[in-house]
């Protein structure tokens, strides 16, 4: 049917005035239609994502992503990509989501929306089991081990409270704190949890809310409320029914919520 110029102009104007949610379907609908959830991660961040001896991408993030896909009733499609361009890839539609241990920051929130957080990480104090340390205040003036050049060293030195001993890596630090050669160590908690689980080292964490922490979230494209709600529901259910804890203990050695 032939349209008048006035009617054509009105229809064009109305199209541009439509809200984005009407102009583009929520990504959840496209995911369900495709039957798969395309998930991006780096693949080089063990134990969260890495390539195993069978040339398969595995890890905590991979299992979390696969379980979320299952609960959305679609298949997971794991995509490894360089970290420095991972958000650009999401925004331009190369994949549906990023489940790759991405910390939630105000800067990233400008480009993407986040579901979660799905775990917390950061610096932590660790001491020898049985040392009887209940509070980090008890460690004032004590010798604390840190890895040379890492964030933990900078933070400990800024406190002007401890005698600082530097190490080349975590294995040496764990040996010394377990043997009592240093009173405590400060390091990123997740690698320490993994090392303790693997070696059964007699080392335990001293809880302290004052240390730097960050939340890791699941990134999706903006303006996708249905996908956000569905993924959050899947994540909440995993945490409620014990599936999340099972995955965390498998890869990290303990629950990291």
C-alpha atoms as a PDB file:
ATOM      1  CA  UNK A   1       0.000   0.000   0.000  1.00  0.00           C
ATOM      2  CA  UNK A   2       1.333   3.422  -0.989  1.00  0.00           C
ATOM      3  CA  UNK A   3       1.891   5.835   1.930  1.00  0.00           C
ATOM      4  CA  UNK A   4       1.552   9.600   1.847  1.00  0.00           C
ATOM      5  CA  UNK A   5       4.718  11.604   2.534  1.00  0.00           C
ATOM      6  CA  UNK A   6       3.256  12.885   5.792  1.00  0.00           C
ATOM      7  CA  UNK A   7       2.381   9.383   7.021  1.00  0.00           C
ATOM      8  CA  UNK A   8       5.797   8.038   6.002  1.00  0.00           C
ATOM      9  CA  UNK A   9       7.515  10.809   7.908  1.00  0.00           C
ATOM     10  CA  UNK A  10       5.392  10.139  10.976  1.00  0.00           C
ATOM     11  CA  UNK A  11       6.197   6.410  10.935  1.00  0.00           C
ATOM     12  CA  UNK A  12       9.924   7.097  10.624  1.00  0.00           C
ATOM     13  CA  UNK A  13       9.789   9.561  13.504  1.00  0.00           C
ATOM     14  CA  UNK A  14       7.864   7.077  15.648  1.00  0.00           C
ATOM     15  CA  UNK A  15      10.457   4.386  14.969  1.00  0.00           C
ATOM     16  CA  UNK A  16      13.260   6.552  16.297  1.00  0.00           C
ATOM     17  CA  UNK A  17      11.211   7.466  19.358  1.00  0.00           C
ATOM     18  CA  UNK A  18      10.533   3.826  20.301  1.00  0.00           C
ATOM     19  CA  UNK A  19      12.282   2.707  23.484  1.00  0.00           C
ATOM     20  CA  UNK A  20      15.303   0.495  22.971  1.00  0.00           C
ATOM     21  CA  UNK A  21      13.519  -2.476  24.578  1.00  0.00           C
ATOM     22  CA  UNK A  22      10.980  -2.378  21.723  1.00  0.00           C
ATOM     23  CA  UNK A  23      13.621  -1.855  19.035  1.00  0.00           C
ATOM     24  CA  UNK A  24      15.692  -4.849  20.169  1.00  0.00           C
ATOM     25  CA  UNK A  25      14.606  -8.030  21.894  1.00  0.00           C
ATOM     26  CA  UNK A  26      16.163  -8.892  25.233  1.00  0.00           C
ATOM     27  CA  UNK A  27      19.267 -11.061  24.770  1.00  0.00           C
ATOM     28  CA  UNK A  28      17.590 -13.870  26.740  1.00  0.00           C
ATOM     29  CA  UNK A  29      15.200 -14.449  23.850  1.00  0.00           C
ATOM     30  CA  UNK A  30      18.090 -14.712  21.385  1.00  0.00           C
ATOM     31  CA  UNK A  31      19.970 -17.108  23.677  1.00  0.00           C
ATOM     32  CA  UNK A  32      16.924 -19.344  24.045  1.00  0.00           C
ATOM     33  CA  UNK A  33      16.349 -19.248  20.300  1.00  0.00           C
ATOM     34  CA  UNK A  34      19.971 -20.212  19.582  1.00  0.00           C
ATOM     35  CA  UNK A  35      19.919 -22.902  22.287  1.00  0.00           C
ATOM     36  CA  UNK A  36      23.295 -21.867  23.671  1.00  0.00           C
ATOM     37  CA  UNK A  37      24.920 -19.375  26.029  1.00  0.00           C
ATOM     38  CA  UNK A  38      28.173 -18.014  24.618  1.00  0.00           C
ATOM     39  CA  UNK A  39      30.542 -17.263  27.503  1.00  0.00           C
ATOM     40  CA  UNK A  40      33.844 -15.401  27.268  1.00  0.00           C
ATOM     41  CA  UNK A  41      36.826 -15.818  29.608  1.00  0.00           C
ATOM     42  CA  UNK A  42      40.601 -15.586  29.308  1.00  0.00           C
ATOM     43  CA  UNK A  43      41.501 -19.275  29.653  1.00  0.00           C
ATOM     44  CA  UNK A  44      44.805 -18.321  31.280  1.00  0.00           C
ATOM     45  CA  UNK A  45      43.774 -17.708  34.899  1.00  0.00           C
ATOM     46  CA  UNK A  46      43.987 -20.971  36.902  1.00  0.00           C
ATOM     47  CA  UNK A  47      42.119 -22.265  38.815  1.00  0.00           C
ATOM     48  CA  UNK A  48      39.304 -20.135  37.358  1.00  0.00           C
ATOM     49  CA  UNK A  49      39.945 -20.897  33.683  1.00  0.00           C
ATOM     50  CA  UNK A  50      42.833 -22.718  32.047  1.00  0.00           C
ATOM     51  CA  UNK A  51      43.616 -25.373  29.445  1.00  0.00           C
ATOM     52  CA  UNK A  52      44.165 -28.831  30.944  1.00  0.00           C
ATOM     53  CA  UNK A  53      46.317 -31.723  29.739  1.00  0.00           C
ATOM     54  CA  UNK A  54      43.526 -32.789  27.378  1.00  0.00           C
ATOM     55  CA  UNK A  55      43.530 -29.362  25.718  1.00  0.00           C
ATOM     56  CA  UNK A  56      40.144 -28.575  27.274  1.00  0.00           C
ATOM     57  CA  UNK A  57      39.243 -25.281  28.958  1.00  0.00           C
ATOM     58  CA  UNK A  58      38.335 -26.039  32.568  1.00  0.00           C
ATOM     59  CA  UNK A  59      38.106 -24.293  35.920  1.00  0.00           C
ATOM     60  CA  UNK A  60      35.812 -22.655  38.446  1.00  0.00           C
ATOM     61  CA  UNK A  61      34.458 -20.055  36.005  1.00  0.00           C
ATOM     62  CA  UNK A  62      33.873 -22.709  33.350  1.00  0.00           C
ATOM     63  CA  UNK A  63      31.832 -24.837  35.754  1.00  0.00           C
ATOM     64  CA  UNK A  64      29.839 -21.830  36.983  1.00  0.00           C
ATOM     65  CA  UNK A  65      29.107 -20.816  33.387  1.00  0.00           C
ATOM     66  CA  UNK A  66      28.100 -24.349  32.407  1.00  0.00           C
ATOM     67  CA  UNK A  67      25.761 -24.653  35.371  1.00  0.00           C
ATOM     68  CA  UNK A  68      24.095 -21.304  34.638  1.00  0.00           C
ATOM     69  CA  UNK A  69      23.592 -22.369  31.014  1.00  0.00           C
ATOM     70  CA  UNK A  70      22.045 -25.651  32.174  1.00  0.00           C
ATOM     71  CA  UNK A  71      19.604 -23.795  34.400  1.00  0.00           C
ATOM     72  CA  UNK A  72      18.686 -21.531  31.479  1.00  0.00           C
ATOM     73  CA  UNK A  73      18.014 -24.769  29.546  1.00  0.00           C
ATOM     74  CA  UNK A  74      20.657 -24.058  26.898  1.00  0.00           C
ATOM     75  CA  UNK A  75      24.121 -25.391  26.090  1.00  0.00           C
ATOM     76  CA  UNK A  76      27.281 -23.567  27.217  1.00  0.00           C
ATOM     77  CA  UNK A  77      29.658 -22.324  24.508  1.00  0.00           C
ATOM     78  CA  UNK A  78      32.991 -21.343  26.084  1.00  0.00           C
ATOM     79  CA  UNK A  79      35.017 -18.728  24.194  1.00  0.00           C
ATOM     80  CA  UNK A  80      38.585 -17.814  25.180  1.00  0.00           C
ATOM     81  CA  UNK A  81      39.740 -14.334  24.300  1.00  0.00           C
ATOM     82  CA  UNK A  82      42.370 -11.763  25.256  1.00  0.00           C
ATOM     83  CA  UNK A  83      41.460  -9.949  28.474  1.00  0.00           C
ATOM     84  CA  UNK A  84      42.297  -6.460  27.200  1.00  0.00           C
ATOM     85  CA  UNK A  85      39.538  -6.639  24.568  1.00  0.00           C
ATOM     86  CA  UNK A  86      36.996  -8.816  26.360  1.00  0.00           C
ATOM     87  CA  UNK A  87      34.485  -6.049  27.172  1.00  0.00           C
ATOM     88  CA  UNK A  88      34.628  -4.715  23.617  1.00  0.00           C
ATOM     89  CA  UNK A  89      33.833  -8.210  22.374  1.00  0.00           C
ATOM     90  CA  UNK A  90      30.780  -8.393  24.607  1.00  0.00           C
ATOM     91  CA  UNK A  91      29.480  -4.964  23.628  1.00  0.00           C
ATOM     92  CA  UNK A  92      29.862  -5.721  19.914  1.00  0.00           C
ATOM     93  CA  UNK A  93      28.029  -9.047  20.206  1.00  0.00           C
ATOM     94  CA  UNK A  94      30.802 -11.635  19.836  1.00  0.00           C
ATOM     95  CA  UNK A  95      29.428 -13.506  22.872  1.00  0.00           C
ATOM     96  CA  UNK A  96      26.527 -13.248  25.305  1.00  0.00           C
ATOM     97  CA  UNK A  97      28.304 -12.817  28.625  1.00  0.00           C
ATOM     98  CA  UNK A  98      31.637 -12.697  30.430  1.00  0.00           C
ATOM     99  CA  UNK A  99      32.053 -15.146  33.308  1.00  0.00           C
ATOM    100  CA  UNK A 100      35.763 -14.658  33.794  1.00  0.00           C
ATOM    101  CA  UNK A 101      36.501 -13.380  37.320  1.00  0.00           C
ATOM    102  CA  UNK A 102      35.858  -9.781  36.299  1.00  0.00           C
ATOM    103  CA  UNK A 103      35.877  -7.366  39.209  1.00  0.00           C
ATOM    104  CA  UNK A 104      32.916  -4.994  39.380  1.00  0.00           C
ATOM    105  CA  UNK A 105      34.089  -1.388  39.031  1.00  0.00           C
ATOM    106  CA  UNK A 106      32.334   1.916  38.392  1.00  0.00           C
ATOM    107  CA  UNK A 107      34.288   2.310  35.169  1.00  0.00           C
ATOM    108  CA  UNK A 108      33.156  -1.067  33.822  1.00  0.00           C
ATOM    109  CA  UNK A 109      29.562  -0.342  34.835  1.00  0.00           C
ATOM    110  CA  UNK A 110      29.561   2.446  32.258  1.00  0.00           C
ATOM    111  CA  UNK A 111      29.950  -0.139  29.478  1.00  0.00           C
ATOM    112  CA  UNK A 112      28.178  -3.264  30.787  1.00  0.00           C
ATOM    113  CA  UNK A 113      25.734  -4.457  33.434  1.00  0.00           C
ATOM    114  CA  UNK A 114      26.665  -7.005  36.096  1.00  0.00           C
ATOM    115  CA  UNK A 115      24.887 -10.008  37.578  1.00  0.00           C
ATOM    116  CA  UNK A 116      26.057 -11.139  40.994  1.00  0.00           C
ATOM    117  CA  UNK A 117      28.613 -10.800  42.489  1.00  0.00           C
ATOM    118  CA  UNK A 118      29.383 -14.496  42.383  1.00  0.00           C
ATOM    119  CA  UNK A 119      32.512 -14.448  44.533  1.00  0.00           C
ATOM    120  CA  UNK A 120      34.689 -12.159  46.624  1.00  0.00           C
ATOM    121  CA  UNK A 121      38.460 -12.051  46.705  1.00  0.00           C
ATOM    122  CA  UNK A 122      41.264  -9.835  47.944  1.00  0.00           C
ATOM    123  CA  UNK A 123      44.162  -9.683  50.371  1.00  0.00           C
ATOM    124  CA  UNK A 124      44.113 -11.776  53.547  1.00  0.00           C
ATOM    125  CA  UNK A 125      46.280 -12.629  56.557  1.00  0.00           C
ATOM    126  CA  UNK A 126      47.313 -16.254  57.101  1.00  0.00           C
ATOM    127  CA  UNK A 127      49.029 -17.785  60.134  1.00  0.00           C
ATOM    128  CA  UNK A 128      50.188 -21.200  61.294  1.00  0.00           C
ATOM    129  CA  UNK A 129      47.354 -23.419  62.503  1.00  0.00           C
ATOM    130  CA  UNK A 130      47.265 -23.495  66.264  1.00  0.00           C
ATOM    131  CA  UNK A 131      49.080 -20.165  66.609  1.00  0.00           C
ATOM    132  CA  UNK A 132      46.072 -18.865  68.529  1.00  0.00           C
ATOM    133  CA  UNK A 133      45.792 -15.618  66.560  1.00  0.00           C
ATOM    134  CA  UNK A 134      42.191 -14.413  66.685  1.00  0.00           C
ATOM    135  CA  UNK A 135      42.647 -10.866  65.399  1.00  0.00           C
ATOM    136  CA  UNK A 136      45.105  -9.145  63.080  1.00  0.00           C
ATOM    137  CA  UNK A 137      45.645  -6.587  65.850  1.00  0.00           C
ATOM    138  CA  UNK A 138      47.646  -9.290  67.617  1.00  0.00           C
ATOM    139  CA  UNK A 139      50.132  -9.194  64.735  1.00  0.00           C
ATOM    140  CA  UNK A 140      51.145  -5.561  65.241  1.00  0.00           C
ATOM    141  CA  UNK A 141      54.940  -5.403  65.399  1.00  0.00           C
ATOM    142  CA  UNK A 142      55.263  -8.999  64.173  1.00  0.00           C
ATOM    143  CA  UNK A 143      57.109 -10.289  61.106  1.00  0.00           C
ATOM    144  CA  UNK A 144      54.853 -10.576  58.056  1.00  0.00           C
ATOM    145  CA  UNK A 145      55.818 -12.251  54.791  1.00  0.00           C
ATOM    146  CA  UNK A 146      54.791 -10.891  51.371  1.00  0.00           C
ATOM    147  CA  UNK A 147      55.668 -11.582  47.760  1.00  0.00           C
ATOM    148  CA  UNK A 148      58.101  -9.012  46.414  1.00  0.00           C
ATOM    149  CA  UNK A 149      56.467  -6.436  44.152  1.00  0.00           C
ATOM    150  CA  UNK A 150      52.861  -7.546  44.643  1.00  0.00           C
ATOM    151  CA  UNK A 151      49.926  -5.505  45.969  1.00  0.00           C
ATOM    152  CA  UNK A 152      50.270  -7.168  49.353  1.00  0.00           C
ATOM    153  CA  UNK A 153      53.791  -5.806  49.836  1.00  0.00           C
ATOM    154  CA  UNK A 154      52.641  -2.267  49.066  1.00  0.00           C
ATOM    155  CA  UNK A 155      49.687  -2.536  51.453  1.00  0.00           C
ATOM    156  CA  UNK A 156      51.724  -4.013  54.332  1.00  0.00           C
ATOM    157  CA  UNK A 157      54.465  -1.374  54.034  1.00  0.00           C
ATOM    158  CA  UNK A 158      51.876   1.428  54.001  1.00  0.00           C
ATOM    159  CA  UNK A 159      50.607   0.286  57.423  1.00  0.00           C
ATOM    160  CA  UNK A 160      53.969   0.989  59.134  1.00  0.00           C
ATOM    161  CA  UNK A 161      52.916  -1.663  61.662  1.00  0.00           C
ATOM    162  CA  UNK A 162      54.844  -4.816  60.734  1.00  0.00           C
ATOM    163  CA  UNK A 163      58.347  -6.114  60.188  1.00  0.00           C
ATOM    164  CA  UNK A 164      58.302  -7.035  56.494  1.00  0.00           C
ATOM    165  CA  UNK A 165      60.019 -10.050  54.933  1.00  0.00           C
ATOM    166  CA  UNK A 166      59.832 -10.441  51.160  1.00  0.00           C
ATOM    167  CA  UNK A 167      59.692 -13.658  49.140  1.00  0.00           C
ATOM    168  CA  UNK A 168      59.902 -14.614  45.497  1.00  0.00           C
ATOM    169  CA  UNK A 169      56.657 -16.591  45.591  1.00  0.00           C
ATOM    170  CA  UNK A 170      53.859 -18.197  47.562  1.00  0.00           C
ATOM    171  CA  UNK A 171      55.392 -21.699  48.101  1.00  0.00           C
ATOM    172  CA  UNK A 172      58.300 -20.301  50.107  1.00  0.00           C
ATOM    173  CA  UNK A 173      55.979 -18.086  52.148  1.00  0.00           C
ATOM    174  CA  UNK A 174      53.716 -20.989  53.041  1.00  0.00           C
ATOM    175  CA  UNK A 175      56.667 -23.108  54.159  1.00  0.00           C
ATOM    176  CA  UNK A 176      57.977 -20.340  56.421  1.00  0.00           C
ATOM    177  CA  UNK A 177      54.663 -19.429  58.044  1.00  0.00           C
ATOM    178  CA  UNK A 178      53.873 -23.116  58.629  1.00  0.00           C
ATOM    179  CA  UNK A 179      57.299 -23.568  60.271  1.00  0.00           C
ATOM    180  CA  UNK A 180      56.932 -20.425  62.361  1.00  0.00           C
ATOM    181  CA  UNK A 181      59.783 -18.562  60.682  1.00  0.00           C
ATOM    182  CA  UNK A 182      57.390 -15.654  60.073  1.00  0.00           C
ATOM    183  CA  UNK A 183      54.383 -14.803  62.214  1.00  0.00           C
ATOM    184  CA  UNK A 184      52.001 -14.316  59.286  1.00  0.00           C
ATOM    185  CA  UNK A 185      51.803 -13.804  55.550  1.00  0.00           C
ATOM    186  CA  UNK A 186      49.604 -11.467  53.505  1.00  0.00           C
ATOM    187  CA  UNK A 187      48.583 -12.502  49.995  1.00  0.00           C
ATOM    188  CA  UNK A 188      45.648 -12.769  47.593  1.00  0.00           C
ATOM    189  CA  UNK A 189      43.397 -15.238  49.353  1.00  0.00           C
ATOM    190  CA  UNK A 190      42.253 -17.515  46.508  1.00  0.00           C
ATOM    191  CA  UNK A 191      45.750 -18.694  45.434  1.00  0.00           C
ATOM    192  CA  UNK A 192      46.498 -19.419  49.106  1.00  0.00           C
ATOM    193  CA  UNK A 193      43.268 -21.405  49.500  1.00  0.00           C
ATOM    194  CA  UNK A 194      44.206 -23.456  46.432  1.00  0.00           C
ATOM    195  CA  UNK A 195      47.748 -24.056  47.673  1.00  0.00           C
ATOM    196  CA  UNK A 196      46.516 -25.106  51.131  1.00  0.00           C
ATOM    197  CA  UNK A 197      44.017 -27.531  49.582  1.00  0.00           C
ATOM    198  CA  UNK A 198      46.696 -29.093  47.372  1.00  0.00           C
ATOM    199  CA  UNK A 199      49.467 -29.361  49.955  1.00  0.00           C
ATOM    200  CA  UNK A 200      47.418 -29.703  53.146  1.00  0.00           C
ATOM    201  CA  UNK A 201      49.640 -26.994  54.644  1.00  0.00           C
ATOM    202  CA  UNK A 202      48.905 -26.277  58.341  1.00  0.00           C
ATOM    203  CA  UNK A 203      47.939 -22.668  57.637  1.00  0.00           C
ATOM    204  CA  UNK A 204      44.708 -20.805  58.377  1.00  0.00           C
ATOM    205  CA  UNK A 205      43.187 -17.424  57.602  1.00  0.00           C
ATOM    206  CA  UNK A 206      42.753 -14.642  60.142  1.00  0.00           C
ATOM    207  CA  UNK A 207      39.538 -12.796  59.305  1.00  0.00           C
ATOM    208  CA  UNK A 208      39.871  -9.055  58.757  1.00  0.00           C
ATOM    209  CA  UNK A 209      37.333  -6.805  57.014  1.00  0.00           C
ATOM    210  CA  UNK A 210      39.782  -3.914  56.668  1.00  0.00           C
ATOM    211  CA  UNK A 211      41.865  -5.487  53.919  1.00  0.00           C
ATOM    212  CA  UNK A 212      41.236  -4.546  50.252  1.00  0.00           C
ATOM    213  CA  UNK A 213      38.504  -6.727  48.715  1.00  0.00           C
ATOM    214  CA  UNK A 214      36.744  -6.906  45.356  1.00  0.00           C
ATOM    215  CA  UNK A 215      33.560  -8.462  44.024  1.00  0.00           C
ATOM    216  CA  UNK A 216      33.628 -10.546  40.836  1.00  0.00           C
ATOM    217  CA  UNK A 217      30.526 -10.285  38.663  1.00  0.00           C
ATOM    218  CA  UNK A 218      28.986 -11.705  35.494  1.00  0.00           C
ATOM    219  CA  UNK A 219      28.996  -9.097  32.722  1.00  0.00           C
ATOM    220  CA  UNK A 220      26.168  -8.769  30.196  1.00  0.00           C
ATOM    221  CA  UNK A 221      25.201  -6.131  27.662  1.00  0.00           C
ATOM    222  CA  UNK A 222      23.193  -3.201  28.967  1.00  0.00           C
ATOM    223  CA  UNK A 223      19.382  -3.029  28.759  1.00  0.00           C
ATOM    224  CA  UNK A 224      18.795  -6.760  29.215  1.00  0.00           C
ATOM    225  CA  UNK A 225      16.607  -6.993  32.335  1.00  0.00           C
ATOM    226  CA  UNK A 226      15.174 -10.419  31.447  1.00  0.00           C
ATOM    227  CA  UNK A 227      18.611 -11.974  30.954  1.00  0.00           C
ATOM    228  CA  UNK A 228      19.891 -10.315  34.134  1.00  0.00           C
ATOM    229  CA  UNK A 229      16.946 -11.656  36.144  1.00  0.00           C
ATOM    230  CA  UNK A 230      17.246 -15.180  34.704  1.00  0.00           C
ATOM    231  CA  UNK A 231      20.986 -15.384  35.346  1.00  0.00           C
ATOM    232  CA  UNK A 232      20.649 -13.967  38.856  1.00  0.00           C
ATOM    233  CA  UNK A 233      17.919 -16.498  39.612  1.00  0.00           C
ATOM    234  CA  UNK A 234      20.130 -19.329  38.343  1.00  0.00           C
ATOM    235  CA  UNK A 235      23.033 -18.083  40.458  1.00  0.00           C
ATOM    236  CA  UNK A 236      20.876 -17.689  43.572  1.00  0.00           C
ATOM    237  CA  UNK A 237      19.478 -21.202  43.150  1.00  0.00           C
ATOM    238  CA  UNK A 238      22.994 -22.645  42.760  1.00  0.00           C
ATOM    239  CA  UNK A 239      24.041 -21.009  45.998  1.00  0.00           C
ATOM    240  CA  UNK A 240      20.917 -22.165  47.809  1.00  0.00           C
ATOM    241  CA  UNK A 241      21.001 -25.828  46.772  1.00  0.00           C
ATOM    242  CA  UNK A 242      24.709 -26.466  47.393  1.00  0.00           C
ATOM    243  CA  UNK A 243      25.852 -26.640  43.753  1.00  0.00           C
ATOM    244  CA  UNK A 244      27.932 -23.466  44.046  1.00  0.00           C
ATOM    245  CA  UNK A 245      29.715 -24.709  47.172  1.00  0.00           C
ATOM    246  CA  UNK A 246      30.510 -28.027  45.468  1.00  0.00           C
ATOM    247  CA  UNK A 247      32.082 -26.221  42.495  1.00  0.00           C
ATOM    248  CA  UNK A 248      34.028 -23.858  44.749  1.00  0.00           C
ATOM    249  CA  UNK A 249      35.445 -26.673  46.872  1.00  0.00           C
ATOM    250  CA  UNK A 250      36.400 -28.605  43.748  1.00  0.00           C
ATOM    251  CA  UNK A 251      38.562 -25.796  42.350  1.00  0.00           C
ATOM    252  CA  UNK A 252      39.394 -23.494  45.271  1.00  0.00           C
ATOM    253  CA  UNK A 253      39.207 -25.755  48.287  1.00  0.00           C
ATOM    254  CA  UNK A 254      36.455 -23.812  50.034  1.00  0.00           C
ATOM    255  CA  UNK A 255      33.397 -21.623  49.522  1.00  0.00           C
ATOM    256  CA  UNK A 256      34.416 -18.158  48.276  1.00  0.00           C
ATOM    257  CA  UNK A 257      31.126 -16.288  48.401  1.00  0.00           C
END
